[in-house]
Amino acid sequence: MAETQAAPPLPKSQPSFGRRHSTIIKLLGVGALVLVLLIPLVMITGVLSDRLSRRNEAVADITSSWGREQNVIGPVLGIPFQYKFKAVKETPGPDGKMERREVEETGIGTAYFLPESLKIDGNVQTQTLHRGIYEAAVFRAQVMLSGKFAPPDFGPLKIDLKDVQWKDAFVTIAVNDLRGTREGLVLDWGGTKRPMLPGSQVPGYTTGATASLGSDQPIASEITFSIPLDFNGSDRVFFAPFGVQNEATLKSNWPDPAFRGSFLPAERSVRADGFSAT
């Protein structure tokens, strides 16, 4: 009887390419989908950047005519004085040769004095200006600077009173954008009105106004002052606490104020129709 042989085993079927590389195919699909979605994102970003650029140009155009951010610094009392100093100059000697000699010359300096007290009282009314589909928030500020100056003390500066030029004394303020002023500036100095001409003499600032006191008499007693300001601006308004004692009161119809600076309000009231702060 012949022996029966077992049938050879069938070869195992190989998995398909898709099954063998399914993870890689999925990653490639996700990457392709991300790339496709980036196309409209880039297009939207370009449109947003273009709109933002046009909006900034429109706002800059509006504020350049109306008035930009405003910084009010001062007032400061300036009093010129004479002083002697030594300098080395070359002068021709008897033999015609140039010799270096030390000579004494006279120079002019300015002593600056800050107010003993400074009070700032302001009312800022805002409005919205339009340029096409764009708009910019601007303001008109009516501010009163008032206070008093103590008699200048030249002792700590080691300045002799005979060298002080009282006739050239002046009061000056700095205003960031003087184009926004709506009226001529006038200084009330102890009850006397004095016009303020464009140009600031506050060290480090050029825009502003200065009033000449024009008196030969020394300032021997306390002097009160006041300067009314009426100016346009946009974005922000800042006041520098230049007095020994400072008090600032501000009110506005703007409902969303942001208080910034080295000194924040001690008292504030923010309402839907505006705010007040001290």
Protein backbone atom coordinates (compact mmCIF):
# COMPACT_ATOMS: atom_id res chain seq x y z
CA MET A 1 0.00 0.00 0.00
CA ALA A 2 1.53 3.35 -1.12
CA GLU A 3 2.23 6.05 1.47
CA THR A 4 0.21 9.30 1.25
CA GLN A 5 2.37 12.50 1.28
CA ALA A 6 1.12 15.71 2.94
CA ALA A 7 0.41 18.63 0.59
CA PRO A 8 3.04 21.43 0.64
CA PRO A 9 2.03 24.53 2.66
CA LEU A 10 0.53 27.41 0.67
CA PRO A 11 2.69 30.56 0.49
CA LYS A 12 1.60 33.34 2.86
CA SER A 13 -0.02 36.29 1.05
CA GLN A 14 1.99 39.57 1.27
CA PRO A 15 0.20 42.62 2.83
CA SER A 16 -0.65 45.41 0.40
CA PHE A 17 1.51 48.53 0.01
CA GLY A 18 -1.15 50.65 1.63
CA ARG A 19 -1.31 48.51 4.71
CA ARG A 20 2.44 48.35 5.02
CA HIS A 21 2.87 52.17 4.80
CA SER A 22 -0.43 53.38 6.23
CA THR A 23 1.21 55.60 8.88
CA ILE A 24 3.40 57.40 6.35
CA ILE A 25 0.47 57.90 3.99
CA LYS A 26 -1.61 59.40 6.79
CA LEU A 27 1.20 61.81 7.74
CA LEU A 28 1.63 62.87 4.12
CA GLY A 29 -2.12 63.44 3.85
CA VAL A 30 -2.18 65.59 6.97
CA GLY A 31 0.80 67.60 5.69
CA ALA A 32 -0.86 68.15 2.32
CA LEU A 33 -4.06 69.28 4.06
CA VAL A 34 -2.10 71.73 6.22
CA LEU A 35 -0.42 73.18 3.12
CA VAL A 36 -3.76 73.58 1.39
CA LEU A 37 -5.24 75.35 4.42
CA LEU A 38 -2.23 77.70 4.61
CA ILE A 39 -3.13 79.21 1.25
CA PRO A 40 -6.32 81.00 2.39
CA LEU A 41 -4.61 81.85 5.70
CA VAL A 42 -1.79 83.65 3.86
CA MET A 43 -4.34 85.43 1.68
CA ILE A 44 -6.33 86.60 4.74
CA THR A 45 -3.14 87.71 6.49
CA GLY A 46 -2.17 89.78 3.47
CA VAL A 47 -5.59 91.45 3.38
CA LEU A 48 -5.44 92.20 7.12
CA SER A 49 -1.94 93.67 6.82
CA ASP A 50 -3.04 95.85 3.93
CA ARG A 51 -6.13 97.06 5.83
CA LEU A 52 -4.05 97.77 8.94
CA SER A 53 -1.52 99.72 6.91
CA ARG A 54 -4.26 101.79 5.27
CA ARG A 55 -5.91 102.38 8.65
CA ASN A 56 -2.62 103.59 10.18
CA GLU A 57 -2.08 105.91 7.22
CA ALA A 58 -5.60 107.34 7.59
CA VAL A 59 -5.17 107.87 11.34
CA ALA A 60 -1.73 109.48 10.84
CA ASP A 61 -3.22 111.78 8.19
CA ILE A 62 -6.06 112.84 10.53
CA THR A 63 -3.86 113.39 13.58
CA SER A 64 -1.19 115.27 11.61
CA SER A 65 -3.78 117.97 10.90
CA TRP A 66 -5.65 117.83 14.21
CA GLY A 67 -2.83 117.23 16.70
CA ARG A 68 -0.75 114.33 17.94
CA GLU A 69 0.02 112.99 21.42
CA GLN A 70 0.43 115.89 23.83
CA ASN A 71 2.95 116.28 26.65
CA VAL A 72 2.72 119.41 28.80
CA ILE A 73 5.91 120.17 30.76
CA GLY A 74 6.34 123.17 33.02
CA PRO A 75 6.13 126.00 33.66
CA VAL A 76 9.74 126.81 34.51
CA LEU A 77 11.19 130.16 35.63
CA GLY A 78 14.50 130.95 33.93
CA ILE A 79 16.81 133.77 35.03
CA PRO A 80 20.05 134.49 33.12
CA PHE A 81 23.23 135.44 34.96
CA GLN A 82 26.80 136.41 34.12
CA TYR A 83 29.81 134.39 35.18
CA LYS A 84 33.56 134.56 34.72
CA PHE A 85 35.65 131.75 33.34
CA LYS A 86 39.20 131.28 32.19
CA ALA A 87 40.11 130.25 28.67
CA VAL A 88 43.37 129.65 26.83
CA LYS A 89 43.81 131.65 23.63
CA GLU A 90 46.59 132.13 21.12
CA THR A 91 47.72 135.73 20.81
CA PRO A 92 50.62 137.22 18.81
CA GLY A 93 53.67 137.98 20.95
CA PRO A 94 56.22 140.85 20.63
CA ASP A 95 58.30 138.79 18.20
CA GLY A 96 55.27 137.97 16.04
CA LYS A 97 55.01 134.37 17.20
CA MET A 98 51.74 133.01 18.50
CA GLU A 99 51.69 132.52 22.23
CA ARG A 100 49.14 130.66 24.34
CA ARG A 101 47.83 132.79 27.18
CA GLU A 102 45.17 132.32 29.82
CA VAL A 103 42.53 135.04 29.70
CA GLU A 104 39.37 135.71 31.71
CA GLU A 105 36.10 135.92 29.81
CA THR A 106 32.47 136.55 30.65
CA GLY A 107 29.74 134.05 29.83
CA ILE A 108 25.97 133.94 30.19
CA GLY A 109 24.23 131.06 31.96
CA THR A 110 20.63 130.43 32.96
CA ALA A 111 19.35 129.37 36.36
CA TYR A 112 16.07 127.41 36.31
CA PHE A 113 13.54 127.35 39.14
CA LEU A 114 10.50 125.08 39.47
CA PRO A 115 7.15 126.14 40.95
CA GLU A 116 6.60 125.85 44.67
CA SER A 117 3.14 124.52 43.88
CA LEU A 118 1.53 123.45 40.60
CA LYS A 119 -2.15 122.79 40.02
CA ILE A 120 -3.44 121.29 36.77
CA ASP A 121 -7.16 121.44 36.09
CA GLY A 122 -8.26 119.97 32.76
CA ASN A 123 -11.36 119.06 30.79
CA VAL A 124 -10.77 116.73 27.83
CA GLN A 125 -13.62 116.23 25.37
CA THR A 126 -13.22 113.48 22.79
CA GLN A 127 -14.76 112.93 19.37
CA THR A 128 -14.33 110.60 16.41
CA LEU A 129 -13.14 111.80 13.00
CA HIS A 130 -13.61 109.72 9.85
CA ARG A 131 -11.51 109.27 6.75
CA GLY A 132 -13.33 106.89 4.39
CA ILE A 133 -14.14 103.70 6.28
CA TYR A 134 -11.52 104.47 8.93
CA GLU A 135 -11.92 106.53 12.09
CA ALA A 136 -9.65 108.09 14.68
CA ALA A 137 -10.42 109.23 18.23
CA VAL A 138 -9.16 112.74 18.94
CA PHE A 139 -9.63 115.20 21.80
CA ARG A 140 -9.79 118.88 22.66
CA ALA A 141 -8.26 119.73 26.04
CA GLN A 142 -8.94 122.89 28.01
CA VAL A 143 -6.35 123.02 30.78
CA MET A 144 -5.46 125.60 33.41
CA LEU A 145 -1.93 125.57 34.83
CA SER A 146 -1.73 127.61 38.02
CA GLY A 147 0.39 127.85 41.14
CA LYS A 148 3.12 129.98 42.66
CA PHE A 149 6.87 130.52 42.49
CA ALA A 150 8.90 131.16 45.61
CA PRO A 151 11.56 133.92 45.49
CA PRO A 152 14.58 132.49 43.61
CA ASP A 153 17.38 131.37 45.92
CA PHE A 154 20.76 131.75 44.20
CA GLY A 155 22.73 130.76 47.30
CA PRO A 156 22.95 127.00 46.57
CA LEU A 157 23.98 127.84 42.98
CA LYS A 158 26.79 130.12 44.25
CA ILE A 159 25.62 132.98 42.04
CA ASP A 160 26.24 136.56 43.18
CA LEU A 161 23.06 138.67 43.02
CA LYS A 162 24.92 141.47 41.21
CA ASP A 163 25.47 139.07 38.28
CA VAL A 164 21.76 138.22 37.92
CA GLN A 165 20.11 139.75 34.83
CA TRP A 166 16.55 140.20 36.05
CA LYS A 167 15.45 142.06 32.91
CA ASP A 168 15.95 138.89 30.83
CA ALA A 169 13.98 136.55 33.14
CA PHE A 170 11.33 134.40 31.46
CA VAL A 171 8.71 131.74 32.09
CA THR A 172 8.61 128.84 29.65
CA ILE A 173 6.63 125.66 29.05
CA ALA A 174 7.05 122.73 26.67
CA VAL A 175 4.13 121.39 24.62
CA ASN A 176 4.72 118.36 22.45
CA ASP A 177 2.67 119.47 19.41
CA LEU A 178 2.13 123.23 19.44
CA ARG A 179 0.18 123.04 16.15
CA GLY A 180 -2.76 121.74 18.18
CA THR A 181 -3.14 124.97 20.19
CA ARG A 182 -6.38 126.74 19.35
CA GLU A 183 -5.63 130.15 20.90
CA GLY A 184 -2.66 132.35 21.65
CA LEU A 185 -0.98 131.53 24.95
CA VAL A 186 -0.93 134.18 27.67
CA LEU A 187 0.85 134.10 31.04
CA ASP A 188 -0.79 135.75 34.05
CA TRP A 189 2.22 136.69 36.19
CA GLY A 190 1.14 138.20 39.49
CA GLY A 191 -1.91 139.79 37.86
CA THR A 192 -0.05 141.07 34.76
CA LYS A 193 -0.81 139.50 31.37
CA ARG A 194 2.21 138.63 29.27
CA PRO A 195 2.04 137.01 25.80
CA MET A 196 3.86 133.72 25.28
CA LEU A 197 5.73 133.40 22.00
CA PRO A 198 6.43 130.08 20.23
CA GLY A 199 9.58 128.27 21.30
CA SER A 200 10.43 126.48 24.51
CA GLN A 201 13.51 127.14 26.63
CA VAL A 202 12.98 124.10 28.85
CA PRO A 203 16.29 122.20 28.53
CA GLY A 204 15.90 119.32 26.10
CA TYR A 205 12.69 120.62 24.48
CA THR A 206 12.18 122.98 21.53
CA THR A 207 8.40 123.10 21.00
CA GLY A 208 6.42 125.17 23.45
CA ALA A 209 6.05 128.83 24.41
CA THR A 210 7.99 131.42 26.39
CA ALA A 211 6.96 134.71 28.03
CA SER A 212 9.50 137.41 28.83
CA LEU A 213 8.99 139.02 32.25
CA GLY A 214 10.84 142.18 31.19
CA SER A 215 11.36 143.71 34.63
CA ASP A 216 14.55 145.01 36.22
CA GLN A 217 13.12 144.44 39.69
CA PRO A 218 14.26 141.32 41.56
CA ILE A 219 11.64 138.71 42.44
CA ALA A 220 11.69 139.23 46.19
CA SER A 221 8.31 137.78 47.13
CA GLU A 222 6.05 134.88 46.24
CA ILE A 223 4.49 135.20 42.76
CA THR A 224 1.29 133.50 41.60
CA PHE A 225 0.85 132.49 37.97
CA SER A 226 -1.69 130.93 35.64
CA ILE A 227 -1.53 129.76 32.02
CA PRO A 228 -4.74 128.70 30.22
CA LEU A 229 -4.19 126.12 27.49
CA ASP A 230 -6.66 125.13 24.78
CA PHE A 231 -5.22 122.51 22.45
CA ASN A 232 -6.11 119.56 20.22
CA GLY A 233 -4.49 116.16 20.40
CA SER A 234 -4.93 112.44 19.89
CA ASP A 235 -4.07 109.16 21.55
CA ARG A 236 -2.74 110.43 24.90
CA VAL A 237 -2.10 113.50 27.04
CA PHE A 238 0.56 113.65 29.77
CA PHE A 239 1.46 116.26 32.40
CA ALA A 240 4.84 116.50 34.12
CA PRO A 241 4.77 117.07 37.92
CA PHE A 242 7.30 119.93 37.89
CA GLY A 243 6.14 121.57 41.12
CA VAL A 244 7.38 120.86 44.61
CA GLN A 245 3.72 120.14 45.39
CA ASN A 246 1.51 118.92 42.54
CA GLU A 247 -2.21 118.43 42.14
CA ALA A 248 -3.84 117.40 38.85
CA THR A 249 -7.56 117.06 38.21
CA LEU A 250 -8.83 115.75 34.89
CA LYS A 251 -12.30 114.95 33.61
CA SER A 252 -13.46 113.70 30.23
CA ASN A 253 -16.35 112.12 28.33
CA TRP A 254 -14.10 109.18 27.35
CA PRO A 255 -15.52 106.01 29.03
CA ASP A 256 -12.40 103.80 28.74
CA PRO A 257 -9.39 105.69 30.14
CA ALA A 258 -5.96 104.17 30.71
CA PHE A 259 -3.99 105.80 33.53
CA ARG A 260 -0.25 105.65 32.91
CA GLY A 261 2.89 107.30 34.19
CA SER A 262 4.95 107.40 37.36
CA PHE A 263 2.01 108.69 39.43
CA LEU A 264 -1.46 107.15 39.21
CA PRO A 265 -4.64 108.95 40.35
CA ALA A 266 -5.32 108.90 44.07
CA GLU A 267 -9.03 109.18 43.32
CA ARG A 268 -10.87 108.17 40.18
CA SER A 269 -14.41 107.67 38.98
CA VAL A 270 -15.04 105.85 35.69
CA ARG A 271 -18.59 105.88 34.35
CA ALA A 272 -20.35 105.06 31.10
CA ASP A 273 -20.47 108.78 30.22
CA GLY A 274 -16.83 109.54 31.08
CA PHE A 275 -14.41 109.74 33.98
CA SER A 276 -12.85 112.09 36.50
CA ALA A 277 -9.53 111.60 38.26
CA THR A 278 -7.39 113.47 40.80
